[in-house]
Amino acid sequence: MIFEQFTAGGCQSYLVGCAESCAAALIDPEISLIDRYLALAARDGLRIRYLVDTHTHADHFSATHQLAKQLNAPVAMHRMSPAPFVTLALDDGEMLAVGKLRLQVLHTPGHTRDSMCLQVEDRVFTGDTLLIGATGRTDLPGGDPGALYESLFERLLRLEPSIQVHPAHEYKGRSPTSIGEELANNPRLKVRDRAAFIEMMCNLNLQMPTHVTEALRTNMSGGKTVAQMLTEAAAGVPFMALAELKARNDAAKGELLVLDVRERDAYEQGHIPGARLLPRGQLELRVNQDLPDPTLRIVTCCELGRVSTLATATLREMGYQRAAALDGGMQAWREAGYPVKAGADP
């Protein structure tokens, strides 16, 4: 078996391949590591045949949907998953055939309704059902401490003690353990009484994941993250450096329009001299009135350079092929000591 483990922050993902057939499965992929997955699969001569999420993640952005489109490979999740892009719905007791490898599905609800573990040979991929020294939380949507108790004590922990445990998250950099080691050392597994276990899980008082709303939205729907939208927009627009814009503004030749796409209060607190205000939220509605010449050279700006990147992409889609975005935004402009004008429109 070919095995690769990937770490992004506390997120763990795994590439499991059959050396004889060169088929592979990618388990719990994270969106920032797409290029690494593809590079290592190519290095090992593997073709990724399955993209698997052990559950609907709330604390990172899954790469399964995007990779499925790139690789023309199915997304496999438990049948309880709400994600519309799942093309291979799995049930308890079924298997994924990856060459000569067999990934056995164990439905282990509790952290989420669709949580499952995958056992292959001497290891089990536990998602967020069982972590190193802990268990998955049950206070997020779909969580159920009673179901988690049953999934752990009546299913997962009955595997052979020597089976290696590979969770979807590990924030302390610890090496994989085993079922036996977790039974012996995991403090949450010391609580064997069902009622006491439920009470413990209901009183953990854990902080919410940083991007919980966005992660659930994208992982459940297949929608795009803000970072994805910014990356895609940035790939299709040109930028102008701060010093270049200042030089052209100082020349006062009127060859370009600086378009400030922030809200009015931010604009009036301080903007690039000569900049015209057109808030991003009104762009599509006002563009014909405010920018009647589609050949006009435009440089958009906002506070940090993100909204202006999206605005520039929109302008180009609407036919303004000489639109560019200011690299860095107003924050960088001020930090460079360049002139700022307060007040209303010029």
Protein backbone atom coordinates (compact mmCIF):
# COMPACT_ATOMS: atom_id res chain seq x y z
CA MET A 1 0.00 0.00 0.00
CA ILE A 2 1.21 3.50 -0.90
CA PHE A 3 0.40 5.94 1.88
CA GLU A 4 0.88 9.70 2.15
CA GLN A 5 -0.28 11.98 4.98
CA PHE A 6 -0.79 15.71 4.46
CA THR A 7 -1.05 18.46 7.07
CA ALA A 8 -2.59 21.93 6.69
CA GLY A 9 -2.78 23.60 10.06
CA GLY A 10 -4.53 20.97 12.16
CA CYS A 11 -6.23 19.32 9.19
CA GLN A 12 -5.03 15.87 8.18
CA SER A 13 -5.70 14.27 4.80
CA TYR A 14 -4.51 11.03 3.29
CA LEU A 15 -3.64 9.52 -0.07
CA VAL A 16 -4.00 5.74 -0.11
CA GLY A 17 -2.90 3.84 -3.21
CA CYS A 18 -2.53 0.35 -4.59
CA ALA A 19 1.04 -0.08 -5.84
CA GLU A 20 0.08 -2.83 -8.26
CA SER A 21 -2.83 -1.09 -10.01
CA CYS A 22 -1.76 2.54 -9.39
CA ALA A 23 -5.32 3.36 -8.24
CA ALA A 24 -5.74 5.66 -5.23
CA ALA A 25 -8.27 7.28 -2.92
CA LEU A 26 -7.85 10.74 -1.42
CA ILE A 27 -9.44 11.07 2.03
CA ASP A 28 -10.57 14.38 3.57
CA PRO A 29 -8.70 16.66 1.13
CA GLU A 30 -8.30 20.33 2.08
CA ILE A 31 -8.65 22.98 -0.59
CA SER A 32 -5.29 24.71 -0.02
CA LEU A 33 -3.38 21.49 -0.75
CA ILE A 34 -4.80 20.63 -4.17
CA ASP A 35 -1.52 21.14 -6.01
CA ARG A 36 0.36 19.01 -3.46
CA TYR A 37 -2.10 16.13 -3.81
CA LEU A 38 -1.80 16.14 -7.56
CA ALA A 39 1.99 16.46 -7.50
CA LEU A 40 2.50 13.56 -5.09
CA ALA A 41 0.01 11.35 -6.90
CA ALA A 42 1.91 12.02 -10.12
CA ARG A 43 5.24 11.35 -8.43
CA ASP A 44 3.99 7.96 -7.23
CA GLY A 45 2.34 7.18 -10.57
CA LEU A 46 -1.13 7.09 -8.99
CA ARG A 47 -4.50 7.87 -10.49
CA ILE A 48 -6.95 9.22 -7.93
CA ARG A 49 -10.08 7.14 -8.43
CA TYR A 50 -12.10 8.29 -5.40
CA LEU A 51 -12.40 11.54 -3.46
CA VAL A 52 -13.72 10.84 0.02
CA ASP A 53 -14.95 13.06 2.84
CA THR A 54 -15.49 11.19 6.09
CA HIS A 55 -18.17 13.74 7.04
CA THR A 56 -19.41 17.26 6.34
CA HIS A 57 -16.54 19.37 7.63
CA ALA A 58 -17.20 22.53 9.64
CA ASP A 59 -13.63 23.63 10.28
CA HIS A 60 -11.97 23.54 6.88
CA PHE A 61 -12.87 23.78 3.21
CA SER A 62 -13.12 20.44 1.45
CA ALA A 63 -11.39 20.02 -1.90
CA THR A 64 -13.54 17.11 -3.07
CA HIS A 65 -15.90 19.13 -5.25
CA GLN A 66 -13.17 21.06 -7.04
CA LEU A 67 -10.97 17.98 -7.51
CA ALA A 68 -13.91 15.98 -8.84
CA LYS A 69 -14.25 18.46 -11.68
CA GLN A 70 -10.51 18.44 -12.39
CA LEU A 71 -10.06 14.68 -12.22
CA ASN A 72 -13.48 13.46 -13.36
CA ALA A 73 -13.55 11.27 -10.25
CA PRO A 74 -16.53 10.51 -8.00
CA VAL A 75 -17.05 12.14 -4.61
CA ALA A 76 -17.80 9.46 -2.03
CA MET A 77 -19.54 10.22 1.26
CA HIS A 78 -22.04 8.49 3.52
CA ARG A 79 -25.57 8.52 2.14
CA MET A 80 -26.64 10.90 4.94
CA SER A 81 -24.46 13.66 3.50
CA PRO A 82 -26.49 16.70 2.38
CA ALA A 83 -23.93 17.72 -0.27
CA PRO A 84 -25.53 17.70 -3.75
CA PHE A 85 -22.21 16.99 -5.49
CA VAL A 86 -21.79 13.55 -3.90
CA THR A 87 -21.87 11.04 -6.76
CA LEU A 88 -21.17 7.88 -4.78
CA ALA A 89 -23.37 7.53 -1.67
CA LEU A 90 -22.03 4.91 0.72
CA ASP A 91 -23.73 2.86 3.41
CA ASP A 92 -22.50 0.99 6.45
CA GLY A 93 -20.72 -2.25 5.59
CA GLU A 94 -19.96 -1.32 1.99
CA MET A 95 -16.47 -1.03 0.52
CA LEU A 96 -14.55 1.06 -1.96
CA ALA A 97 -12.35 -1.04 -4.23
CA VAL A 98 -9.08 0.78 -4.88
CA GLY A 99 -7.13 -1.67 -6.99
CA LYS A 100 -6.53 -4.56 -4.63
CA LEU A 101 -7.19 -2.43 -1.56
CA ARG A 102 -10.59 -2.50 0.12
CA LEU A 103 -11.76 0.50 2.15
CA GLN A 104 -14.45 -0.72 4.56
CA VAL A 105 -17.17 1.77 5.53
CA LEU A 106 -18.24 2.06 9.17
CA HIS A 107 -21.10 4.51 9.73
CA THR A 108 -20.18 6.32 12.95
CA PRO A 109 -22.67 9.17 13.53
CA GLY A 110 -22.29 11.50 16.48
CA HIS A 111 -19.97 14.27 15.40
CA THR A 112 -22.29 14.63 12.40
CA ARG A 113 -25.09 12.45 11.07
CA ASP A 114 -23.03 11.51 8.03
CA SER A 115 -19.80 10.66 9.87
CA MET A 116 -18.10 7.48 8.75
CA CYS A 117 -14.75 5.77 9.25
CA LEU A 118 -12.79 3.85 6.63
CA GLN A 119 -10.72 0.81 7.51
CA VAL A 120 -8.07 -0.46 5.13
CA GLU A 121 -5.59 -3.15 6.08
CA ASP A 122 -3.85 -2.14 9.35
CA ARG A 123 -5.33 1.34 9.76
CA VAL A 124 -8.59 3.20 10.13
CA PHE A 125 -9.35 6.73 8.98
CA THR A 126 -11.58 8.05 11.74
CA GLY A 127 -12.55 11.50 10.46
CA ASP A 128 -13.67 13.46 13.51
CA THR A 129 -15.24 10.48 15.26
CA LEU A 130 -12.06 9.59 17.15
CA LEU A 131 -9.13 11.97 17.51
CA ILE A 132 -5.77 11.44 19.15
CA GLY A 133 -6.47 11.92 22.84
CA ALA A 134 -9.99 13.18 22.21
CA THR A 135 -13.18 12.65 20.22
CA GLY A 136 -15.12 14.74 17.75
CA ARG A 137 -17.29 17.45 19.26
CA THR A 138 -21.08 17.07 19.22
CA ASP A 139 -22.23 20.69 19.55
CA LEU A 140 -22.21 21.53 15.83
CA PRO A 141 -25.15 20.97 13.44
CA GLY A 142 -26.02 17.26 13.33
CA GLY A 143 -24.07 16.45 16.50
CA ASP A 144 -25.46 13.83 18.87
CA PRO A 145 -23.46 12.72 21.96
CA GLY A 146 -25.57 9.59 22.42
CA ALA A 147 -24.91 8.50 18.84
CA LEU A 148 -21.21 9.24 19.27
CA TYR A 149 -21.09 7.02 22.37
CA GLU A 150 -22.59 4.13 20.42
CA SER A 151 -20.34 4.73 17.41
CA LEU A 152 -17.27 4.64 19.62
CA PHE A 153 -17.95 1.97 22.21
CA GLU A 154 -20.18 -0.32 20.18
CA ARG A 155 -18.39 -0.05 16.80
CA LEU A 156 -15.06 1.66 16.31
CA LEU A 157 -13.35 0.67 19.54
CA ARG A 158 -14.16 -3.00 18.92
CA LEU A 159 -11.63 -3.10 16.11
CA GLU A 160 -8.35 -4.88 16.76
CA PRO A 161 -6.24 -2.94 19.30
CA SER A 162 -3.31 -2.84 16.87
CA ILE A 163 -5.25 -0.93 14.18
CA GLN A 164 -3.64 2.49 13.57
CA VAL A 165 -5.82 5.57 14.10
CA HIS A 166 -5.59 8.33 11.47
CA PRO A 167 -7.98 11.21 12.28
CA ALA A 168 -9.01 14.15 10.12
CA HIS A 169 -7.57 16.61 12.63
CA GLU A 170 -4.51 16.73 14.88
CA TYR A 171 -3.48 20.12 16.21
CA LYS A 172 -0.49 19.14 18.37
CA GLY A 173 1.62 17.36 15.77
CA ARG A 174 1.36 13.96 17.44
CA SER A 175 2.04 10.74 15.55
CA PRO A 176 -0.78 8.31 14.77
CA THR A 177 -1.74 6.02 17.62
CA SER A 178 -3.75 2.79 17.71
CA ILE A 179 -7.15 1.68 18.92
CA GLY A 180 -5.46 0.04 21.91
CA GLU A 181 -3.49 3.16 22.79
CA GLU A 182 -6.58 5.34 22.57
CA LEU A 183 -8.52 2.99 24.84
CA ALA A 184 -5.67 3.12 27.33
CA ASN A 185 -4.82 6.84 27.20
CA ASN A 186 -7.68 8.90 25.74
CA PRO A 187 -9.34 10.70 28.68
CA ARG A 188 -12.74 10.88 27.00
CA LEU A 189 -12.77 7.14 26.49
CA LYS A 190 -12.26 6.62 30.22
CA VAL A 191 -15.88 7.70 30.65
CA ARG A 192 -17.55 4.37 29.85
CA ASP A 193 -20.99 5.10 31.31
CA ARG A 194 -23.32 6.33 28.55
CA ALA A 195 -25.09 9.00 30.63
CA ALA A 196 -21.80 10.30 32.02
CA PHE A 197 -20.30 10.39 28.52
CA ILE A 198 -23.26 12.40 27.20
CA GLU A 199 -23.01 14.82 30.12
CA MET A 200 -19.29 15.27 29.50
CA MET A 201 -19.79 15.97 25.80
CA CYS A 202 -22.56 18.48 26.53
CA ASN A 203 -20.30 20.47 28.84
CA LEU A 204 -17.06 20.79 26.90
CA ASN A 205 -17.68 24.50 26.15
CA LEU A 206 -15.43 24.49 23.08
CA GLN A 207 -14.79 27.53 20.90
CA MET A 208 -16.49 27.59 17.53
CA PRO A 209 -14.28 26.91 14.48
CA THR A 210 -13.04 30.09 12.82
CA HIS A 211 -14.89 29.68 9.51
CA VAL A 212 -17.76 27.46 10.65
CA THR A 213 -20.54 29.23 8.72
CA GLU A 214 -18.61 29.52 5.47
CA ALA A 215 -17.20 26.00 5.77
CA LEU A 216 -20.62 24.45 6.33
CA ARG A 217 -22.12 26.52 3.50
CA THR A 218 -19.51 25.51 0.95
CA ASN A 219 -19.07 21.90 2.08
CA MET A 220 -22.83 21.27 2.16
CA SER A 221 -23.68 23.05 -1.08
CA GLY A 222 -20.62 22.89 -3.30
CA GLY A 223 -20.57 26.69 -3.43
CA LYS A 224 -17.38 28.71 -3.59
CA THR A 225 -15.43 30.15 -0.69
CA VAL A 226 -14.56 33.83 -0.67
CA ALA A 227 -10.92 32.88 -1.13
CA GLN A 228 -11.79 30.84 -4.23
CA MET A 229 -13.72 33.73 -5.72
CA LEU A 230 -10.82 36.10 -5.07
CA THR A 231 -8.29 33.68 -6.55
CA GLU A 232 -10.38 33.19 -9.68
CA ALA A 233 -10.95 36.93 -10.05
CA ALA A 234 -7.26 37.73 -9.54
CA ALA A 235 -6.28 35.21 -12.22
CA GLY A 236 -8.29 37.11 -14.82
CA VAL A 237 -7.44 40.76 -14.13
CA PRO A 238 -4.32 42.94 -14.32
CA PHE A 239 -3.06 45.07 -11.42
CA MET A 240 -1.34 48.43 -11.15
CA ALA A 241 1.40 49.19 -8.62
CA LEU A 242 0.95 52.00 -6.11
CA ALA A 243 3.94 53.96 -7.43
CA GLU A 244 2.74 53.58 -11.02
CA LEU A 245 -0.69 54.96 -10.19
CA LYS A 246 0.80 57.85 -8.21
CA ALA A 247 3.08 58.78 -11.11
CA ARG A 248 0.22 58.71 -13.58
CA ASN A 249 -2.01 60.67 -11.21
CA ASP A 250 0.72 63.27 -10.68
CA ALA A 251 1.10 63.65 -14.44
CA ALA A 252 -2.57 64.71 -14.53
CA LYS A 253 -3.02 63.67 -18.14
CA GLY A 254 -6.53 62.40 -17.53
CA GLU A 255 -5.70 59.09 -19.22
CA LEU A 256 -7.29 56.95 -16.54
CA LEU A 257 -10.08 57.01 -14.00
CA VAL A 258 -9.49 55.92 -10.41
CA LEU A 259 -12.70 54.22 -9.28
CA ASP A 260 -13.11 53.88 -5.52
CA VAL A 261 -15.48 50.95 -4.85
CA ARG A 262 -15.75 51.35 -1.05
CA GLU A 263 -18.82 52.71 0.73
CA ARG A 264 -19.33 56.48 0.94
CA ASP A 265 -18.26 56.92 4.57
CA ALA A 266 -14.91 55.19 3.92
CA TYR A 267 -14.43 57.23 0.75
CA GLU A 268 -15.10 60.54 2.49
CA GLN A 269 -12.69 59.70 5.30
CA GLY A 270 -9.91 59.63 2.75
CA HIS A 271 -9.47 58.70 -0.92
CA ILE A 272 -6.96 59.04 -3.73
CA PRO A 273 -7.17 62.59 -5.12
CA GLY A 274 -9.42 62.65 -8.15
CA ALA A 275 -10.95 59.22 -7.45
CA ARG A 276 -14.61 58.76 -8.30
CA LEU A 277 -16.90 56.92 -5.90
CA LEU A 278 -18.92 53.94 -7.16
CA PRO A 279 -19.59 51.41 -4.35
CA ARG A 280 -19.17 47.77 -5.32
CA GLY A 281 -22.75 47.01 -4.29
CA GLN A 282 -24.07 49.51 -6.85
CA LEU A 283 -21.65 48.74 -9.66
CA GLU A 284 -23.91 46.71 -11.95
CA LEU A 285 -26.84 49.09 -11.44
CA ARG A 286 -24.94 52.33 -12.10
CA VAL A 287 -22.24 51.32 -14.54
CA ASN A 288 -24.09 52.40 -17.71
CA GLN A 289 -24.89 55.80 -16.22
CA ASP A 290 -21.54 56.48 -14.54
CA LEU A 291 -19.21 54.81 -17.04
CA PRO A 292 -20.75 55.24 -20.49
CA ASP A 293 -17.42 54.77 -22.32
CA PRO A 294 -16.35 51.06 -22.29
CA THR A 295 -12.92 52.00 -23.71
CA LEU A 296 -12.09 54.07 -20.62
CA ARG A 297 -8.96 53.06 -18.72
CA ILE A 298 -10.00 52.35 -15.12
CA VAL A 299 -8.08 51.50 -11.95
CA THR A 300 -10.30 50.31 -9.10
CA CYS A 301 -9.36 50.62 -5.45
CA CYS A 302 -10.78 49.55 -2.09
CA GLU A 303 -9.36 49.25 1.42
CA LEU A 304 -7.32 46.04 1.09
CA GLY A 305 -7.43 45.26 -2.62
CA ARG A 306 -9.91 42.39 -2.40
CA VAL A 307 -13.22 44.05 -3.24
CA SER A 308 -11.52 46.01 -6.02
CA THR A 309 -10.26 42.74 -7.53
CA LEU A 310 -13.82 41.41 -7.65
CA ALA A 311 -15.06 44.73 -9.04
CA THR A 312 -12.41 44.69 -11.77
CA ALA A 313 -13.39 41.15 -12.76
CA THR A 314 -17.01 42.27 -13.00
CA LEU A 315 -16.11 45.32 -15.10
CA ARG A 316 -14.12 43.18 -17.51
CA GLU A 317 -17.01 40.74 -17.82
CA MET A 318 -19.22 43.72 -18.69
CA GLY A 319 -16.90 44.86 -21.48
CA TYR A 320 -14.52 47.29 -19.76
CA GLN A 321 -11.38 45.60 -21.05
CA ARG A 322 -9.05 48.34 -19.80
CA ALA A 323 -10.01 47.91 -16.14
CA ALA A 324 -7.30 47.02 -13.63
CA ALA A 325 -7.11 46.82 -9.83
CA LEU A 326 -4.80 48.76 -7.53
CA ASP A 327 -2.32 46.34 -5.96
CA GLY A 328 -2.57 46.70 -2.18
CA GLY A 329 -5.54 49.04 -1.81
CA MET A 330 -5.95 52.20 0.22
CA GLN A 331 -4.25 50.76 3.28
CA ALA A 332 -1.04 50.25 1.33
CA TRP A 333 -1.47 53.67 -0.34
CA ARG A 334 -1.61 55.40 3.05
CA GLU A 335 1.29 53.37 4.44
CA ALA A 336 3.39 54.47 1.45
CA GLY A 337 2.76 58.09 2.46
CA TYR A 338 0.93 58.96 -0.74
CA PRO A 339 -1.59 61.84 -0.76
CA VAL A 340 -5.13 61.32 0.50
CA LYS A 341 -8.06 63.68 0.15
CA ALA A 342 -11.01 63.75 2.55
CA GLY A 343 -14.54 64.85 1.77
CA ALA A 344 -17.20 64.25 -0.85
CA ASP A 345 -16.87 63.52 -4.56
CA PRO A 346 -14.60 65.83 -6.54
